[in-house]
Amino acid sequence: TVLERRVSERTADVSQARDRAEVLLREVNHRVANSLTLVSSLVSLQSKALQDETARKALAETQDRIFAISLLHRRLYGSNDARSVMLDEYLTGLRDHLKTSLKSGEQGSVLTYELAPVPLGTDAAVNLGVVVTAWVTNAFKYAYPGGSGEIRVRLAELPEAQLELVVEDDGVGRPEDAPAHGTGLGTRIVTAMATSLSGKVDYRPRSPGLSAELVFPR
């Protein structure tokens, strides 16, 4: 019938429009990833021109944050779903980068991950990647002064459609009322990312060590 033909044509048009949008979105992710790679290279050049070691380390941490974002866009570019990313795959790639980046600074701690295979939208995954980068970097820098130890990252599903991220160590810990290490920039970044995720951050002392926890809705 005429009605059935029109419905079929409309369905085909919608399907084609969706496919075009997916291709466009992948291309956008590809261009964003390339642009971030360029920015990271510029930061690296600036770092090499500096003599101050504190400034060099700050720029190295900035590079890691940029990488966390660019990695996600690269994964989206090669994915069948350009709107979300599997967190276990994304965070595993981030882990491998951080292990190389942080160990190059003569910090010998062992980094282990236990990650649930959960899909998450682009913006939320970026925020989570930045939080992981901040917490893992802090653990490498401060948990085991003068030595090394284990740093564990866990991502688990909770009831009521929530996710829990935990980064913990067995190091020297931090008193509950103690100020943030360094400039406190990492803590402020984590707070901003957690707010964007509508999540709650807790820092819990362990015996020994410290556990940083973020619970947020999927």
C-alpha atoms as a PDB file:
ATOM      1  CA  THR A   1       0.000   0.000   0.000  1.00  0.00           C
ATOM      2  CA  VAL A   2       0.984   3.656  -0.300  1.00  0.00           C
ATOM      3  CA  LEU A   3       1.214   4.021   3.477  1.00  0.00           C
ATOM      4  CA  GLU A   4       3.484   0.995   3.834  1.00  0.00           C
ATOM      5  CA  ARG A   5       5.754   2.290   1.048  1.00  0.00           C
ATOM      6  CA  ARG A   6       6.015   5.695   2.693  1.00  0.00           C
ATOM      7  CA  VAL A   7       6.838   4.148   6.064  1.00  0.00           C
ATOM      8  CA  SER A   8       9.508   1.992   4.445  1.00  0.00           C
ATOM      9  CA  GLU A   9      11.033   4.977   2.646  1.00  0.00           C
ATOM     10  CA  ARG A  10      10.997   7.040   5.822  1.00  0.00           C
ATOM     11  CA  THR A  11      12.645   4.238   7.770  1.00  0.00           C
ATOM     12  CA  ALA A  12      15.378   3.986   5.126  1.00  0.00           C
ATOM     13  CA  ASP A  13      15.945   7.755   5.243  1.00  0.00           C
ATOM     14  CA  VAL A  14      16.281   7.694   9.034  1.00  0.00           C
ATOM     15  CA  SER A  15      18.723   4.783   8.857  1.00  0.00           C
ATOM     16  CA  GLN A  16      20.876   6.590   6.268  1.00  0.00           C
ATOM     17  CA  ALA A  17      20.863   9.788   8.324  1.00  0.00           C
ATOM     18  CA  ARG A  18      21.943   7.839  11.399  1.00  0.00           C
ATOM     19  CA  ASP A  19      24.770   6.192   9.475  1.00  0.00           C
ATOM     20  CA  ARG A  20      25.974   9.560   8.180  1.00  0.00           C
ATOM     21  CA  ALA A  21      25.891  10.968  11.706  1.00  0.00           C
ATOM     22  CA  GLU A  22      27.950   8.034  12.997  1.00  0.00           C
ATOM     23  CA  VAL A  23      30.572   8.552  10.277  1.00  0.00           C
ATOM     24  CA  LEU A  24      30.719  12.270  11.019  1.00  0.00           C
ATOM     25  CA  LEU A  25      31.063  11.650  14.741  1.00  0.00           C
ATOM     26  CA  ARG A  26      33.927   9.210  14.174  1.00  0.00           C
ATOM     27  CA  GLU A  27      35.687  11.776  12.027  1.00  0.00           C
ATOM     28  CA  VAL A  28      35.230  14.418  14.728  1.00  0.00           C
ATOM     29  CA  ASN A  29      36.731  12.040  17.311  1.00  0.00           C
ATOM     30  CA  HIS A  30      39.666  11.382  14.967  1.00  0.00           C
ATOM     31  CA  ARG A  31      40.330  15.097  14.519  1.00  0.00           C
ATOM     32  CA  VAL A  32      40.032  15.788  18.252  1.00  0.00           C
ATOM     33  CA  ALA A  33      42.512  12.993  19.030  1.00  0.00           C
ATOM     34  CA  ASN A  34      44.988  14.348  16.484  1.00  0.00           C
ATOM     35  CA  SER A  35      44.641  17.887  17.835  1.00  0.00           C
ATOM     36  CA  LEU A  36      45.247  16.691  21.386  1.00  0.00           C
ATOM     37  CA  THR A  37      48.324  14.782  20.229  1.00  0.00           C
ATOM     38  CA  LEU A  38      49.664  18.021  18.773  1.00  0.00           C
ATOM     39  CA  VAL A  39      48.965  19.865  22.023  1.00  0.00           C
ATOM     40  CA  SER A  40      50.746  17.122  23.965  1.00  0.00           C
ATOM     41  CA  SER A  41      53.781  17.452  21.682  1.00  0.00           C
ATOM     42  CA  LEU A  42      53.874  21.211  22.258  1.00  0.00           C
ATOM     43  CA  VAL A  43      53.727  20.669  26.019  1.00  0.00           C
ATOM     44  CA  SER A  44      56.597  18.191  25.724  1.00  0.00           C
ATOM     45  CA  LEU A  45      58.713  20.709  23.816  1.00  0.00           C
ATOM     46  CA  GLN A  46      57.990  23.346  26.437  1.00  0.00           C
ATOM     47  CA  SER A  47      58.949  20.915  29.203  1.00  0.00           C
ATOM     48  CA  LYS A  48      62.310  20.153  27.596  1.00  0.00           C
ATOM     49  CA  ALA A  49      63.098  23.870  27.493  1.00  0.00           C
ATOM     50  CA  LEU A  50      62.649  24.266  31.260  1.00  0.00           C
ATOM     51  CA  GLN A  51      65.377  23.971  33.867  1.00  0.00           C
ATOM     52  CA  ASP A  52      63.101  23.927  36.925  1.00  0.00           C
ATOM     53  CA  GLU A  53      62.357  20.304  37.881  1.00  0.00           C
ATOM     54  CA  THR A  54      59.063  21.151  39.604  1.00  0.00           C
ATOM     55  CA  ALA A  55      57.786  22.868  36.486  1.00  0.00           C
ATOM     56  CA  ARG A  56      58.911  19.939  34.323  1.00  0.00           C
ATOM     57  CA  LYS A  57      56.995  17.474  36.507  1.00  0.00           C
ATOM     58  CA  ALA A  58      53.887  19.681  36.421  1.00  0.00           C
ATOM     59  CA  LEU A  59      53.960  19.695  32.625  1.00  0.00           C
ATOM     60  CA  ALA A  60      54.470  15.917  32.578  1.00  0.00           C
ATOM     61  CA  GLU A  61      51.267  15.539  34.633  1.00  0.00           C
ATOM     62  CA  THR A  62      49.505  17.855  32.189  1.00  0.00           C
ATOM     63  CA  GLN A  63      50.620  15.586  29.347  1.00  0.00           C
ATOM     64  CA  ASP A  64      49.111  12.578  31.139  1.00  0.00           C
ATOM     65  CA  ARG A  65      45.786  14.384  31.485  1.00  0.00           C
ATOM     66  CA  ILE A  66      45.823  15.262  27.804  1.00  0.00           C
ATOM     67  CA  PHE A  67      46.618  11.652  26.941  1.00  0.00           C
ATOM     68  CA  ALA A  68      43.656  10.414  29.001  1.00  0.00           C
ATOM     69  CA  ILE A  69      41.343  12.513  26.832  1.00  0.00           C
ATOM     70  CA  SER A  70      43.007  11.796  23.492  1.00  0.00           C
ATOM     71  CA  LEU A  71      43.043   8.037  24.153  1.00  0.00           C
ATOM     72  CA  LEU A  72      39.283   8.021  24.611  1.00  0.00           C
ATOM     73  CA  HIS A  73      38.700   9.813  21.305  1.00  0.00           C
ATOM     74  CA  ARG A  74      41.016   7.404  19.505  1.00  0.00           C
ATOM     75  CA  ARG A  75      39.051   4.461  20.884  1.00  0.00           C
ATOM     76  CA  LEU A  76      35.776   6.048  19.817  1.00  0.00           C
ATOM     77  CA  TYR A  77      37.151   6.575  16.312  1.00  0.00           C
ATOM     78  CA  GLY A  78      37.835   2.849  15.932  1.00  0.00           C
ATOM     79  CA  SER A  79      34.671   1.677  17.671  1.00  0.00           C
ATOM     80  CA  ASN A  80      31.337   0.559  16.273  1.00  0.00           C
ATOM     81  CA  ASP A  81      29.697   2.876  18.805  1.00  0.00           C
ATOM     82  CA  ALA A  82      31.023   6.435  18.527  1.00  0.00           C
ATOM     83  CA  ARG A  83      29.010   7.655  21.520  1.00  0.00           C
ATOM     84  CA  SER A  84      30.280   5.402  24.320  1.00  0.00           C
ATOM     85  CA  VAL A  85      33.387   3.473  25.332  1.00  0.00           C
ATOM     86  CA  MET A  86      33.977   0.219  27.220  1.00  0.00           C
ATOM     87  CA  LEU A  87      35.620   1.309  30.443  1.00  0.00           C
ATOM     88  CA  ASP A  88      37.748  -1.788  30.967  1.00  0.00           C
ATOM     89  CA  GLU A  89      39.364  -1.377  27.534  1.00  0.00           C
ATOM     90  CA  TYR A  90      39.775   2.381  27.860  1.00  0.00           C
ATOM     91  CA  LEU A  91      41.227   2.293  31.383  1.00  0.00           C
ATOM     92  CA  THR A  92      43.545  -0.596  30.506  1.00  0.00           C
ATOM     93  CA  GLY A  93      45.056   1.543  27.751  1.00  0.00           C
ATOM     94  CA  LEU A  94      45.360   4.418  30.202  1.00  0.00           C
ATOM     95  CA  ARG A  95      47.016   2.104  32.726  1.00  0.00           C
ATOM     96  CA  ASP A  96      49.666   1.056  30.231  1.00  0.00           C
ATOM     97  CA  HIS A  97      50.477   4.682  29.468  1.00  0.00           C
ATOM     98  CA  LEU A  98      50.673   5.686  33.127  1.00  0.00           C
ATOM     99  CA  LYS A  99      52.915   2.727  33.983  1.00  0.00           C
ATOM    100  CA  THR A 100      55.389   3.859  31.336  1.00  0.00           C
ATOM    101  CA  SER A 101      55.087   7.568  32.092  1.00  0.00           C
ATOM    102  CA  LEU A 102      55.421   7.332  35.862  1.00  0.00           C
ATOM    103  CA  LYS A 103      58.120   4.683  35.920  1.00  0.00           C
ATOM    104  CA  SER A 104      60.226   6.865  33.655  1.00  0.00           C
ATOM    105  CA  GLY A 105      60.431   9.180  36.652  1.00  0.00           C
ATOM    106  CA  GLU A 106      62.187   6.401  38.639  1.00  0.00           C
ATOM    107  CA  GLN A 107      59.042   5.572  40.596  1.00  0.00           C
ATOM    108  CA  GLY A 108      58.949   1.782  40.832  1.00  0.00           C
ATOM    109  CA  SER A 109      55.508   1.035  42.258  1.00  0.00           C
ATOM    110  CA  VAL A 110      53.390  -1.732  40.716  1.00  0.00           C
ATOM    111  CA  LEU A 111      50.064  -0.695  39.172  1.00  0.00           C
ATOM    112  CA  THR A 112      47.240  -3.274  38.987  1.00  0.00           C
ATOM    113  CA  TYR A 113      43.694  -2.919  37.652  1.00  0.00           C
ATOM    114  CA  GLU A 114      40.443  -4.824  38.216  1.00  0.00           C
ATOM    115  CA  LEU A 115      37.876  -3.348  35.855  1.00  0.00           C
ATOM    116  CA  ALA A 116      34.258  -4.199  35.138  1.00  0.00           C
ATOM    117  CA  PRO A 117      33.391  -4.255  31.395  1.00  0.00           C
ATOM    118  CA  VAL A 118      30.939  -1.369  31.551  1.00  0.00           C
ATOM    119  CA  PRO A 119      30.003   1.002  28.702  1.00  0.00           C
ATOM    120  CA  LEU A 120      29.918   4.701  29.515  1.00  0.00           C
ATOM    121  CA  GLY A 121      29.146   7.820  27.487  1.00  0.00           C
ATOM    122  CA  THR A 122      31.950   9.964  26.099  1.00  0.00           C
ATOM    123  CA  ASP A 123      31.811  12.930  28.474  1.00  0.00           C
ATOM    124  CA  ALA A 124      31.525  10.784  31.590  1.00  0.00           C
ATOM    125  CA  ALA A 125      34.375   8.516  30.459  1.00  0.00           C
ATOM    126  CA  VAL A 126      36.640  11.538  29.910  1.00  0.00           C
ATOM    127  CA  ASN A 127      35.908  12.763  33.426  1.00  0.00           C
ATOM    128  CA  LEU A 128      36.612   9.311  34.856  1.00  0.00           C
ATOM    129  CA  GLY A 129      39.882   9.008  32.952  1.00  0.00           C
ATOM    130  CA  VAL A 130      41.085  12.330  34.346  1.00  0.00           C
ATOM    131  CA  VAL A 131      40.214  11.213  37.896  1.00  0.00           C
ATOM    132  CA  VAL A 132      42.102   7.927  37.456  1.00  0.00           C
ATOM    133  CA  THR A 133      45.107   9.820  36.107  1.00  0.00           C
ATOM    134  CA  ALA A 134      45.114  12.218  39.071  1.00  0.00           C
ATOM    135  CA  TRP A 135      44.754   9.545  41.744  1.00  0.00           C
ATOM    136  CA  VAL A 136      47.279   7.134  40.238  1.00  0.00           C
ATOM    137  CA  THR A 137      49.791   9.955  39.789  1.00  0.00           C
ATOM    138  CA  ASN A 138      49.368  11.040  43.417  1.00  0.00           C
ATOM    139  CA  ALA A 139      49.790   7.465  44.638  1.00  0.00           C
ATOM    140  CA  PHE A 140      53.001   7.058  42.658  1.00  0.00           C
ATOM    141  CA  LYS A 141      54.347  10.342  44.006  1.00  0.00           C
ATOM    142  CA  TYR A 142      53.370  10.170  47.663  1.00  0.00           C
ATOM    143  CA  ALA A 143      52.289   6.694  48.814  1.00  0.00           C
ATOM    144  CA  TYR A 144      55.740   5.118  49.071  1.00  0.00           C
ATOM    145  CA  PRO A 145      58.377   7.797  49.708  1.00  0.00           C
ATOM    146  CA  GLY A 146      61.810   6.351  49.184  1.00  0.00           C
ATOM    147  CA  GLY A 147      60.449   2.958  48.175  1.00  0.00           C
ATOM    148  CA  SER A 148      57.854   1.134  46.103  1.00  0.00           C
ATOM    149  CA  GLY A 149      54.642  -0.801  46.583  1.00  0.00           C
ATOM    150  CA  GLU A 150      51.339  -1.771  44.979  1.00  0.00           C
ATOM    151  CA  ILE A 151      48.741   0.659  43.680  1.00  0.00           C
ATOM    152  CA  ARG A 152      45.372  -0.925  42.880  1.00  0.00           C
ATOM    153  CA  VAL A 153      42.619   0.474  40.674  1.00  0.00           C
ATOM    154  CA  ARG A 154      39.153  -1.093  40.778  1.00  0.00           C
ATOM    155  CA  LEU A 155      35.990  -0.265  38.877  1.00  0.00           C
ATOM    156  CA  ALA A 156      32.855  -2.122  39.945  1.00  0.00           C
ATOM    157  CA  GLU A 157      29.125  -1.995  39.333  1.00  0.00           C
ATOM    158  CA  LEU A 158      26.945  -1.221  42.347  1.00  0.00           C
ATOM    159  CA  PRO A 159      23.188  -1.622  42.863  1.00  0.00           C
ATOM    160  CA  GLU A 160      20.822   1.077  41.618  1.00  0.00           C
ATOM    161  CA  ALA A 161      22.787   1.691  38.397  1.00  0.00           C
ATOM    162  CA  GLN A 162      25.857   3.119  40.096  1.00  0.00           C
ATOM    163  CA  LEU A 163      29.580   2.634  39.511  1.00  0.00           C
ATOM    164  CA  GLU A 164      32.412   2.735  42.035  1.00  0.00           C
ATOM    165  CA  LEU A 165      36.000   3.686  41.254  1.00  0.00           C
ATOM    166  CA  VAL A 166      38.631   2.914  43.896  1.00  0.00           C
ATOM    167  CA  VAL A 167      42.351   3.731  43.830  1.00  0.00           C
ATOM    168  CA  GLU A 168      44.149   2.392  46.901  1.00  0.00           C
ATOM    169  CA  ASP A 169      47.645   1.731  48.193  1.00  0.00           C
ATOM    170  CA  ASP A 170      49.418   0.264  51.239  1.00  0.00           C
ATOM    171  CA  GLY A 171      51.666   3.256  51.763  1.00  0.00           C
ATOM    172  CA  VAL A 172      52.155   5.946  54.388  1.00  0.00           C
ATOM    173  CA  GLY A 173      48.575   7.199  54.142  1.00  0.00           C
ATOM    174  CA  ARG A 174      47.365  10.703  54.921  1.00  0.00           C
ATOM    175  CA  PRO A 175      45.677  12.084  58.049  1.00  0.00           C
ATOM    176  CA  GLU A 176      42.024  12.916  57.440  1.00  0.00           C
ATOM    177  CA  ASP A 177      42.491  16.647  58.084  1.00  0.00           C
ATOM    178  CA  ALA A 178      45.829  16.948  56.285  1.00  0.00           C
ATOM    179  CA  PRO A 179      46.008  19.413  53.366  1.00  0.00           C
ATOM    180  CA  ALA A 180      46.455  18.161  49.832  1.00  0.00           C
ATOM    181  CA  HIS A 181      49.985  17.395  48.665  1.00  0.00           C
ATOM    182  CA  GLY A 182      51.710  19.848  46.361  1.00  0.00           C
ATOM    183  CA  THR A 183      49.646  22.687  44.911  1.00  0.00           C
ATOM    184  CA  GLY A 184      46.331  20.894  45.431  1.00  0.00           C
ATOM    185  CA  LEU A 185      45.551  21.227  41.710  1.00  0.00           C
ATOM    186  CA  GLY A 186      44.955  17.491  41.352  1.00  0.00           C
ATOM    187  CA  THR A 187      42.417  17.530  44.175  1.00  0.00           C
ATOM    188  CA  ARG A 188      40.573  20.454  42.606  1.00  0.00           C
ATOM    189  CA  ILE A 189      40.499  18.694  39.253  1.00  0.00           C
ATOM    190  CA  VAL A 190      39.099  15.530  40.848  1.00  0.00           C
ATOM    191  CA  THR A 191      36.411  17.559  42.619  1.00  0.00           C
ATOM    192  CA  ALA A 192      35.409  19.229  39.352  1.00  0.00           C
ATOM    193  CA  MET A 193      35.269  15.906  37.487  1.00  0.00           C
ATOM    194  CA  ALA A 194      33.268  14.261  40.272  1.00  0.00           C
ATOM    195  CA  THR A 195      30.780  17.125  40.206  1.00  0.00           C
ATOM    196  CA  SER A 196      30.372  16.682  36.452  1.00  0.00           C
ATOM    197  CA  LEU A 197      29.665  12.991  37.072  1.00  0.00           C
ATOM    198  CA  SER A 198      27.167  13.797  39.867  1.00  0.00           C
ATOM    199  CA  GLY A 199      29.395  11.629  42.031  1.00  0.00           C
ATOM    200  CA  LYS A 200      30.665  11.564  45.601  1.00  0.00           C
ATOM    201  CA  VAL A 201      34.362  11.396  46.552  1.00  0.00           C
ATOM    202  CA  ASP A 202      35.670   9.852  49.776  1.00  0.00           C
ATOM    203  CA  TYR A 203      39.225   9.456  51.042  1.00  0.00           C
ATOM    204  CA  ARG A 204      39.427   6.602  53.544  1.00  0.00           C
ATOM    205  CA  PRO A 205      42.471   5.744  55.663  1.00  0.00           C
ATOM    206  CA  ARG A 206      43.616   2.137  55.529  1.00  0.00           C
ATOM    207  CA  SER A 207      45.982   0.167  57.770  1.00  0.00           C
ATOM    208  CA  PRO A 208      48.296   0.934  56.116  1.00  0.00           C
ATOM    209  CA  GLY A 209      47.639   3.205  53.179  1.00  0.00           C
ATOM    210  CA  LEU A 210      44.881   5.287  51.662  1.00  0.00           C
ATOM    211  CA  SER A 211      41.777   4.540  49.589  1.00  0.00           C
ATOM    212  CA  ALA A 212      40.329   7.170  47.219  1.00  0.00           C
ATOM    213  CA  GLU A 213      36.749   6.328  46.213  1.00  0.00           C
ATOM    214  CA  LEU A 214      34.315   7.792  43.715  1.00  0.00           C
ATOM    215  CA  VAL A 215      30.706   6.595  43.433  1.00  0.00           C
ATOM    216  CA  PHE A 216      28.634   7.946  40.549  1.00  0.00           C
ATOM    217  CA  PRO A 217      25.526   7.051  38.527  1.00  0.00           C
ATOM    218  CA  ARG A 218      25.894   5.327  35.161  1.00  0.00           C
END
